[in-house]
Amino acid sequence: MSREGSELDGLTAAPESTADVRSRRTGVERRDRARLIAAAIVGALIAVFAVVNLNGVKVHWVFATGQTPLIVVIALAFVVGILVDRLVIRARRKRRR
């Protein structure tokens, strides 16, 4: 006789109290609210940073030189950094296997 999906499973487990379910739900809601607030703060800081760094700078790219807004250079460096990080993590995981 299989125990999977048995009708007796619900009878043998201790019932969860309403207070336990409510406190768990409240904790999740608080965590979600905190993440949303943190994301809003980070987004606002990035927006302020972008507005402050709009002046053009002379950039020596690999094959050319040109005027580019500083925020574009910073954003491009950030994206390249993320890509390099992901590639390094992938290489480490492959090495461990």
Protein backbone atom coordinates (compact mmCIF):
# COMPACT_ATOMS: atom_id res chain seq x y z
CA MET A 1 0.00 0.00 0.00
CA SER A 2 1.46 3.36 -1.02
CA ARG A 3 1.74 6.18 1.50
CA GLU A 4 1.88 8.81 -1.26
CA GLY A 5 -1.35 10.74 -1.47
CA SER A 6 -2.96 8.69 1.27
CA GLU A 7 -6.13 10.09 2.82
CA LEU A 8 -4.66 9.43 6.27
CA ASP A 9 -1.75 11.85 5.83
CA GLY A 10 -3.83 14.84 6.84
CA LEU A 11 -5.14 13.05 9.92
CA THR A 12 -1.74 12.09 11.33
CA ALA A 13 -0.12 15.54 10.98
CA ALA A 14 -0.60 18.12 13.70
CA PRO A 15 -2.84 20.95 12.54
CA GLU A 16 -1.23 24.35 12.12
CA SER A 17 -2.66 27.03 14.32
CA THR A 18 -4.04 30.17 12.73
CA ALA A 19 -1.51 32.25 14.67
CA ASP A 20 1.41 30.28 13.17
CA VAL A 21 0.12 30.77 9.63
CA ARG A 22 -0.59 34.46 10.26
CA SER A 23 2.85 35.15 11.78
CA ARG A 24 4.59 33.36 8.90
CA ARG A 25 2.58 35.39 6.36
CA THR A 26 3.36 38.63 8.22
CA GLY A 27 7.08 37.82 8.13
CA VAL A 28 6.95 37.26 4.37
CA GLU A 29 5.03 40.48 3.84
CA ARG A 30 7.56 42.43 5.92
CA ARG A 31 10.46 40.93 3.98
CA ASP A 32 8.79 41.77 0.65
CA ARG A 33 8.07 45.32 1.81
CA ALA A 34 11.68 45.75 2.98
CA ARG A 35 12.98 44.50 -0.38
CA LEU A 36 10.69 46.90 -2.23
CA ILE A 37 11.84 49.84 -0.11
CA ALA A 38 15.51 48.86 -0.57
CA ALA A 39 15.01 48.57 -4.35
CA ALA A 40 13.35 52.00 -4.43
CA ILE A 41 16.23 53.55 -2.49
CA VAL A 42 18.85 51.94 -4.74
CA GLY A 43 16.90 53.03 -7.83
CA ALA A 44 16.71 56.61 -6.56
CA LEU A 45 20.45 56.65 -5.83
CA ILE A 46 21.22 55.34 -9.32
CA ALA A 47 18.97 58.00 -10.88
CA VAL A 48 20.69 60.77 -8.89
CA PHE A 49 24.11 59.34 -9.80
CA ALA A 50 23.14 59.32 -13.50
CA VAL A 51 21.91 62.92 -13.44
CA VAL A 52 25.06 64.12 -11.68
CA ASN A 53 27.36 62.37 -14.20
CA LEU A 54 25.96 63.63 -17.50
CA ASN A 55 29.03 65.66 -18.53
CA GLY A 56 30.92 64.42 -21.55
CA VAL A 57 34.36 62.89 -21.12
CA LYS A 58 37.02 61.96 -23.63
CA VAL A 59 37.21 58.17 -23.83
CA HIS A 60 39.88 56.13 -25.57
CA TRP A 61 38.00 53.07 -26.79
CA VAL A 62 39.92 50.13 -28.24
CA PHE A 63 39.84 51.39 -31.84
CA ALA A 64 38.73 55.01 -31.54
CA THR A 65 38.55 58.06 -29.30
CA GLY A 66 35.44 60.09 -28.67
CA GLN A 67 33.30 62.18 -26.34
CA THR A 68 30.85 60.12 -24.30
CA PRO A 69 28.70 60.97 -21.28
CA LEU A 70 30.37 59.72 -18.11
CA ILE A 71 27.29 57.76 -17.05
CA VAL A 72 27.53 55.68 -20.25
CA VAL A 73 31.14 54.80 -19.45
CA ILE A 74 30.22 53.88 -15.86
CA ALA A 75 27.20 51.80 -16.96
CA LEU A 76 29.25 49.99 -19.60
CA ALA A 77 31.99 49.20 -17.07
CA PHE A 78 29.31 47.90 -14.67
CA VAL A 79 27.79 45.60 -17.30
CA VAL A 80 31.21 44.28 -18.36
CA GLY A 81 32.02 43.63 -14.70
CA ILE A 82 28.81 41.63 -14.25
CA LEU A 83 29.55 39.58 -17.39
CA VAL A 84 33.09 38.79 -16.24
CA ASP A 85 31.78 37.80 -12.80
CA ARG A 86 29.22 35.41 -14.33
CA LEU A 87 31.86 33.85 -16.59
CA VAL A 88 34.23 33.30 -13.65
CA ILE A 89 31.48 31.70 -11.56
CA ARG A 90 30.50 29.42 -14.44
CA ALA A 91 34.13 28.36 -14.94
CA ARG A 92 34.52 27.56 -11.21
CA ARG A 93 31.37 25.44 -11.20
CA LYS A 94 32.55 23.47 -14.24
CA ARG A 95 35.93 22.89 -12.58
CA ARG A 96 34.30 21.50 -9.41
CA ARG A 97 32.31 18.85 -11.33
